């Protein structure tokens, strides 16, 4: 879902894409297209740390997780059509707001915040073990994978390692609500599929 703006795992997401293991949504265009206030977001181009607003962390509920899963299915067909540099469109904003409300959120902003918090946890889950190990551990694991991968071209390897090392210097914030880890882990497969399937677009 490339247009839902998430920032906490920005450079990690870019680096993970290089080895096809990203599970974090990526979408700078949606924030622009919906006039939503800037949301924390992993986008394809990593802004400098000074420009990155912090995620408004919240304690997730099971109802919110289920709401995100349901809403994402309806939002994806809309958001996938939004060009990267799209200007705010009130009609799209209204559509996304209506979908969010239908799925139990006060509006699109609250939905977006829930996705931010889910993405923050997803960025620290090892896809192989489906256990939360933290973003820093995942970055280090990705560095090792990229260094060992003989199929990646020298240029791609250099770029991926530069992104990963940058991500290691500026990791996502620590998760304040530890209960979110259990909830996101419980729904890991569904969330990774729903939020990560378009991450490479």
C-alpha atoms as a PDB file:
ATOM      1  CA  UNK A   1       0.000   0.000   0.000  1.00  0.00           C
ATOM      2  CA  UNK A   2       2.463   2.499  -1.236  1.00  0.00           C
ATOM      3  CA  UNK A   3       0.470   5.600  -0.503  1.00  0.00           C
ATOM      4  CA  UNK A   4      -0.008   5.185   3.257  1.00  0.00           C
ATOM      5  CA  UNK A   5       2.734   7.303   4.637  1.00  0.00           C
ATOM      6  CA  UNK A   6       4.935   5.619   7.239  1.00  0.00           C
ATOM      7  CA  UNK A   7       8.265   7.012   8.309  1.00  0.00           C
ATOM      8  CA  UNK A   8       9.678   5.163  11.254  1.00  0.00           C
ATOM      9  CA  UNK A   9      11.338   2.484   9.186  1.00  0.00           C
ATOM     10  CA  UNK A  10      12.067   4.610   6.173  1.00  0.00           C
ATOM     11  CA  UNK A  11      15.605   3.671   5.265  1.00  0.00           C
ATOM     12  CA  UNK A  12      15.149   0.153   6.613  1.00  0.00           C
ATOM     13  CA  UNK A  13      12.274  -0.357   4.192  1.00  0.00           C
ATOM     14  CA  UNK A  14      14.361   0.845   1.257  1.00  0.00           C
ATOM     15  CA  UNK A  15      17.180  -1.477   2.165  1.00  0.00           C
ATOM     16  CA  UNK A  16      14.887  -4.419   2.742  1.00  0.00           C
ATOM     17  CA  UNK A  17      13.397  -3.896  -0.711  1.00  0.00           C
ATOM     18  CA  UNK A  18      16.823  -4.511  -2.131  1.00  0.00           C
ATOM     19  CA  UNK A  19      16.678  -8.084  -0.877  1.00  0.00           C
ATOM     20  CA  UNK A  20      12.918  -8.485  -1.336  1.00  0.00           C
ATOM     21  CA  UNK A  21      12.077  -8.892   2.312  1.00  0.00           C
ATOM     22  CA  UNK A  22      10.313  -5.628   3.100  1.00  0.00           C
ATOM     23  CA  UNK A  23       7.011  -5.822   4.938  1.00  0.00           C
ATOM     24  CA  UNK A  24       6.479  -2.166   5.632  1.00  0.00           C
ATOM     25  CA  UNK A  25       4.119  -0.112   3.509  1.00  0.00           C
ATOM     26  CA  UNK A  26       5.496   2.768   1.559  1.00  0.00           C
ATOM     27  CA  UNK A  27       3.579   5.787   0.353  1.00  0.00           C
ATOM     28  CA  UNK A  28       4.596   9.340   0.253  1.00  0.00           C
ATOM     29  CA  UNK A  29       2.005  10.092  -2.405  1.00  0.00           C
ATOM     30  CA  UNK A  30      -1.063   9.423  -0.288  1.00  0.00           C
ATOM     31  CA  UNK A  31      -0.274  12.056   2.291  1.00  0.00           C
ATOM     32  CA  UNK A  32      -0.058  14.587  -0.509  1.00  0.00           C
ATOM     33  CA  UNK A  33      -3.132  13.255  -2.291  1.00  0.00           C
ATOM     34  CA  UNK A  34      -5.339  13.261   0.771  1.00  0.00           C
ATOM     35  CA  UNK A  35      -4.307  16.484   2.514  1.00  0.00           C
ATOM     36  CA  UNK A  36      -3.735  14.412   5.632  1.00  0.00           C
ATOM     37  CA  UNK A  37      -1.253  15.987   8.014  1.00  0.00           C
ATOM     38  CA  UNK A  38       2.256  14.644   7.494  1.00  0.00           C
ATOM     39  CA  UNK A  39       2.420  11.143   8.924  1.00  0.00           C
ATOM     40  CA  UNK A  40       5.523   9.243   9.987  1.00  0.00           C
ATOM     41  CA  UNK A  41       6.462   7.121   7.034  1.00  0.00           C
ATOM     42  CA  UNK A  42       8.948   4.887   5.341  1.00  0.00           C
ATOM     43  CA  UNK A  43       9.003   6.279   1.821  1.00  0.00           C
ATOM     44  CA  UNK A  44      11.298   5.257  -0.989  1.00  0.00           C
ATOM     45  CA  UNK A  45      13.556   8.289  -0.632  1.00  0.00           C
ATOM     46  CA  UNK A  46      14.841   8.757   2.876  1.00  0.00           C
ATOM     47  CA  UNK A  47      14.483  12.332   4.120  1.00  0.00           C
ATOM     48  CA  UNK A  48      17.038  13.659   6.538  1.00  0.00           C
ATOM     49  CA  UNK A  49      16.379  12.772  10.198  1.00  0.00           C
ATOM     50  CA  UNK A  50      15.728  16.435  11.007  1.00  0.00           C
ATOM     51  CA  UNK A  51      12.704  16.438   8.665  1.00  0.00           C
ATOM     52  CA  UNK A  52      11.153  13.262  10.026  1.00  0.00           C
ATOM     53  CA  UNK A  53       8.193  13.778  12.331  1.00  0.00           C
ATOM     54  CA  UNK A  54       7.849  11.233  15.091  1.00  0.00           C
ATOM     55  CA  UNK A  55       5.179   8.572  15.028  1.00  0.00           C
ATOM     56  CA  UNK A  56       2.396   9.264  17.487  1.00  0.00           C
ATOM     57  CA  UNK A  57       2.603   5.978  19.329  1.00  0.00           C
ATOM     58  CA  UNK A  58      -0.581   4.414  20.647  1.00  0.00           C
ATOM     59  CA  UNK A  59      -1.730   1.180  22.231  1.00  0.00           C
ATOM     60  CA  UNK A  60      -3.308  -0.857  19.450  1.00  0.00           C
ATOM     61  CA  UNK A  61      -6.433  -2.948  19.952  1.00  0.00           C
ATOM     62  CA  UNK A  62      -7.435  -6.140  18.198  1.00  0.00           C
ATOM     63  CA  UNK A  63     -10.392  -4.254  16.726  1.00  0.00           C
ATOM     64  CA  UNK A  64      -8.010  -1.709  15.182  1.00  0.00           C
ATOM     65  CA  UNK A  65      -5.841  -4.457  13.690  1.00  0.00           C
ATOM     66  CA  UNK A  66      -8.923  -6.051  12.134  1.00  0.00           C
ATOM     67  CA  UNK A  67     -10.110  -2.620  10.984  1.00  0.00           C
ATOM     68  CA  UNK A  68      -6.786  -1.953   9.257  1.00  0.00           C
ATOM     69  CA  UNK A  69      -6.922  -5.330   7.505  1.00  0.00           C
ATOM     70  CA  UNK A  70     -10.461  -4.679   6.262  1.00  0.00           C
ATOM     71  CA  UNK A  71      -9.905  -1.030   5.302  1.00  0.00           C
ATOM     72  CA  UNK A  72      -6.663  -1.719   3.451  1.00  0.00           C
ATOM     73  CA  UNK A  73      -8.452  -4.034   1.017  1.00  0.00           C
ATOM     74  CA  UNK A  74     -10.806  -1.206   0.100  1.00  0.00           C
ATOM     75  CA  UNK A  75      -8.201   1.563   0.104  1.00  0.00           C
ATOM     76  CA  UNK A  76      -5.585  -0.164  -2.041  1.00  0.00           C
ATOM     77  CA  UNK A  77      -7.539   0.068  -5.323  1.00  0.00           C
ATOM     78  CA  UNK A  78      -7.933   3.819  -4.714  1.00  0.00           C
ATOM     79  CA  UNK A  79      -4.438   4.603  -3.472  1.00  0.00           C
ATOM     80  CA  UNK A  80      -2.653   2.517  -6.107  1.00  0.00           C
ATOM     81  CA  UNK A  81      -3.917   4.909  -8.792  1.00  0.00           C
ATOM     82  CA  UNK A  82      -2.509   8.023  -7.121  1.00  0.00           C
ATOM     83  CA  UNK A  83       0.644   9.267  -8.885  1.00  0.00           C
ATOM     84  CA  UNK A  84       3.713   9.811  -6.724  1.00  0.00           C
ATOM     85  CA  UNK A  85       3.583  13.623  -7.078  1.00  0.00           C
ATOM     86  CA  UNK A  86      -0.201  13.947  -6.866  1.00  0.00           C
ATOM     87  CA  UNK A  87      -1.662  17.125  -5.407  1.00  0.00           C
ATOM     88  CA  UNK A  88      -4.283  16.886  -2.651  1.00  0.00           C
ATOM     89  CA  UNK A  89      -7.660  15.739  -3.936  1.00  0.00           C
ATOM     90  CA  UNK A  90     -10.668  16.357  -1.652  1.00  0.00           C
ATOM     91  CA  UNK A  91     -12.635  13.577  -3.374  1.00  0.00           C
ATOM     92  CA  UNK A  92      -9.961  10.993  -2.575  1.00  0.00           C
ATOM     93  CA  UNK A  93      -9.689  12.322   0.966  1.00  0.00           C
ATOM     94  CA  UNK A  94     -13.436  11.915   1.423  1.00  0.00           C
ATOM     95  CA  UNK A  95     -13.366   8.372   0.009  1.00  0.00           C
ATOM     96  CA  UNK A  96     -10.547   7.276   2.306  1.00  0.00           C
ATOM     97  CA  UNK A  97     -12.180   8.960   5.289  1.00  0.00           C
ATOM     98  CA  UNK A  98     -15.426   7.113   4.604  1.00  0.00           C
ATOM     99  CA  UNK A  99     -13.641   3.751   4.331  1.00  0.00           C
ATOM    100  CA  UNK A 100     -11.774   4.396   7.590  1.00  0.00           C
ATOM    101  CA  UNK A 101     -15.000   5.310   9.411  1.00  0.00           C
ATOM    102  CA  UNK A 102     -16.777   2.256   8.027  1.00  0.00           C
ATOM    103  CA  UNK A 103     -14.025   0.113   9.543  1.00  0.00           C
ATOM    104  CA  UNK A 104     -14.174   1.557  13.055  1.00  0.00           C
ATOM    105  CA  UNK A 105     -11.820   4.556  12.896  1.00  0.00           C
ATOM    106  CA  UNK A 106     -12.713   8.185  13.618  1.00  0.00           C
ATOM    107  CA  UNK A 107     -11.308   9.002  10.189  1.00  0.00           C
ATOM    108  CA  UNK A 108      -8.408   8.511   7.833  1.00  0.00           C
ATOM    109  CA  UNK A 109      -5.925  10.161  10.210  1.00  0.00           C
ATOM    110  CA  UNK A 110      -6.687   7.662  12.985  1.00  0.00           C
ATOM    111  CA  UNK A 111      -6.443   4.786  10.505  1.00  0.00           C
ATOM    112  CA  UNK A 112      -3.107   6.168   9.296  1.00  0.00           C
ATOM    113  CA  UNK A 113      -1.813   6.390  12.856  1.00  0.00           C
ATOM    114  CA  UNK A 114      -2.800   2.768  13.515  1.00  0.00           C
ATOM    115  CA  UNK A 115      -0.931   1.694  10.366  1.00  0.00           C
ATOM    116  CA  UNK A 116       2.103   3.702  11.503  1.00  0.00           C
ATOM    117  CA  UNK A 117       2.145   1.823  14.804  1.00  0.00           C
ATOM    118  CA  UNK A 118       1.663  -1.547  13.105  1.00  0.00           C
ATOM    119  CA  UNK A 119       4.482  -0.768  10.669  1.00  0.00           C
ATOM    120  CA  UNK A 120       6.771   0.174  13.524  1.00  0.00           C
ATOM    121  CA  UNK A 121       6.364  -3.338  14.936  1.00  0.00           C
ATOM    122  CA  UNK A 122       6.490  -5.072  11.531  1.00  0.00           C
ATOM    123  CA  UNK A 123       9.891  -3.496  10.906  1.00  0.00           C
ATOM    124  CA  UNK A 124      11.295  -5.415  13.874  1.00  0.00           C
ATOM    125  CA  UNK A 125       9.770  -8.845  13.186  1.00  0.00           C
ATOM    126  CA  UNK A 126      12.004 -11.513  11.679  1.00  0.00           C
ATOM    127  CA  UNK A 127      10.004 -12.925   8.746  1.00  0.00           C
ATOM    128  CA  UNK A 128      11.690 -16.320   9.134  1.00  0.00           C
ATOM    129  CA  UNK A 129      10.866 -16.883  12.801  1.00  0.00           C
ATOM    130  CA  UNK A 130       7.941 -14.427  13.035  1.00  0.00           C
ATOM    131  CA  UNK A 131       9.353 -13.238  16.337  1.00  0.00           C
ATOM    132  CA  UNK A 132       9.983  -9.644  17.285  1.00  0.00           C
ATOM    133  CA  UNK A 133      13.728  -8.998  17.442  1.00  0.00           C
ATOM    134  CA  UNK A 134      13.745  -5.220  17.015  1.00  0.00           C
ATOM    135  CA  UNK A 135      14.540  -2.970  14.080  1.00  0.00           C
ATOM    136  CA  UNK A 136      18.257  -2.771  14.861  1.00  0.00           C
ATOM    137  CA  UNK A 137      18.613  -6.563  14.801  1.00  0.00           C
ATOM    138  CA  UNK A 138      16.713  -6.720  11.521  1.00  0.00           C
ATOM    139  CA  UNK A 139      18.968  -4.084   9.978  1.00  0.00           C
ATOM    140  CA  UNK A 140      22.079  -5.989  11.049  1.00  0.00           C
ATOM    141  CA  UNK A 141      20.605  -9.229   9.680  1.00  0.00           C
ATOM    142  CA  UNK A 142      19.870  -7.509   6.372  1.00  0.00           C
ATOM    143  CA  UNK A 143      23.445  -6.207   6.211  1.00  0.00           C
ATOM    144  CA  UNK A 144      24.734  -9.758   6.644  1.00  0.00           C
ATOM    145  CA  UNK A 145      22.331 -11.065   3.973  1.00  0.00           C
ATOM    146  CA  UNK A 146      23.304  -8.415   1.454  1.00  0.00           C
ATOM    147  CA  UNK A 147      27.027  -8.935   2.090  1.00  0.00           C
ATOM    148  CA  UNK A 148      26.648 -12.690   1.574  1.00  0.00           C
ATOM    149  CA  UNK A 149      24.395 -12.500  -1.503  1.00  0.00           C
ATOM    150  CA  UNK A 150      26.448 -13.225  -4.625  1.00  0.00           C
ATOM    151  CA  UNK A 151      23.484 -12.621  -6.959  1.00  0.00           C
ATOM    152  CA  UNK A 152      23.273  -8.886  -6.220  1.00  0.00           C
ATOM    153  CA  UNK A 153      25.297  -6.686  -8.579  1.00  0.00           C
ATOM    154  CA  UNK A 154      28.175  -4.745  -7.058  1.00  0.00           C
ATOM    155  CA  UNK A 155      26.340  -1.444  -7.535  1.00  0.00           C
ATOM    156  CA  UNK A 156      23.087  -2.721  -6.006  1.00  0.00           C
ATOM    157  CA  UNK A 157      25.018  -4.248  -3.124  1.00  0.00           C
ATOM    158  CA  UNK A 158      26.846  -0.978  -2.492  1.00  0.00           C
ATOM    159  CA  UNK A 159      23.577   0.997  -2.591  1.00  0.00           C
ATOM    160  CA  UNK A 160      21.742  -1.467  -0.330  1.00  0.00           C
ATOM    161  CA  UNK A 161      24.579  -1.486   2.208  1.00  0.00           C
ATOM    162  CA  UNK A 162      24.697   2.320   2.198  1.00  0.00           C
ATOM    163  CA  UNK A 163      20.943   2.422   2.907  1.00  0.00           C
ATOM    164  CA  UNK A 164      21.222  -0.197   5.642  1.00  0.00           C
ATOM    165  CA  UNK A 165      24.151   1.501   7.332  1.00  0.00           C
ATOM    166  CA  UNK A 166      22.267   4.799   7.243  1.00  0.00           C
ATOM    167  CA  UNK A 167      19.242   3.051   8.763  1.00  0.00           C
ATOM    168  CA  UNK A 168      21.491   1.655  11.497  1.00  0.00           C
ATOM    169  CA  UNK A 169      22.558   5.208  12.392  1.00  0.00           C
ATOM    170  CA  UNK A 170      18.931   6.404  12.544  1.00  0.00           C
ATOM    171  CA  UNK A 171      16.806   3.433  13.651  1.00  0.00           C
ATOM    172  CA  UNK A 172      13.044   3.737  14.191  1.00  0.00           C
ATOM    173  CA  UNK A 173      11.969   4.773  17.690  1.00  0.00           C
ATOM    174  CA  UNK A 174      11.589   2.152  20.419  1.00  0.00           C
ATOM    175  CA  UNK A 175       8.093   0.738  20.767  1.00  0.00           C
ATOM    176  CA  UNK A 176       6.432   2.319  23.775  1.00  0.00           C
ATOM    177  CA  UNK A 177       3.396   0.024  23.929  1.00  0.00           C
ATOM    178  CA  UNK A 178       4.814  -3.480  24.295  1.00  0.00           C
ATOM    179  CA  UNK A 179       1.343  -5.021  23.920  1.00  0.00           C
ATOM    180  CA  UNK A 180       1.459  -3.927  20.265  1.00  0.00           C
ATOM    181  CA  UNK A 181       4.210  -6.475  19.651  1.00  0.00           C
ATOM    182  CA  UNK A 182       1.999  -9.401  20.702  1.00  0.00           C
ATOM    183  CA  UNK A 183      -0.971  -8.138  18.680  1.00  0.00           C
ATOM    184  CA  UNK A 184       0.987  -7.489  15.492  1.00  0.00           C
ATOM    185  CA  UNK A 185       2.839 -10.791  15.843  1.00  0.00           C
ATOM    186  CA  UNK A 186      -0.490 -12.603  16.200  1.00  0.00           C
ATOM    187  CA  UNK A 187      -1.662 -11.146  12.887  1.00  0.00           C
ATOM    188  CA  UNK A 188       1.781 -11.052  11.262  1.00  0.00           C
ATOM    189  CA  UNK A 189       0.990 -13.040   8.110  1.00  0.00           C
ATOM    190  CA  UNK A 190      -2.179 -11.096   7.324  1.00  0.00           C
ATOM    191  CA  UNK A 191      -0.594  -7.730   8.103  1.00  0.00           C
ATOM    192  CA  UNK A 192       2.580  -8.437   6.135  1.00  0.00           C
ATOM    193  CA  UNK A 193       0.444  -9.466   3.173  1.00  0.00           C
ATOM    194  CA  UNK A 194      -1.950  -6.514   3.427  1.00  0.00           C
ATOM    195  CA  UNK A 195       0.615  -3.807   4.165  1.00  0.00           C
ATOM    196  CA  UNK A 196       3.714  -5.200   2.517  1.00  0.00           C
ATOM    197  CA  UNK A 197       2.467  -6.537  -0.800  1.00  0.00           C
ATOM    198  CA  UNK A 198       2.814  -3.197  -2.580  1.00  0.00           C
ATOM    199  CA  UNK A 199       5.921  -2.010  -0.798  1.00  0.00           C
ATOM    200  CA  UNK A 200       8.058  -2.435  -3.874  1.00  0.00           C
ATOM    201  CA  UNK A 201       5.913  -0.198  -6.080  1.00  0.00           C
END
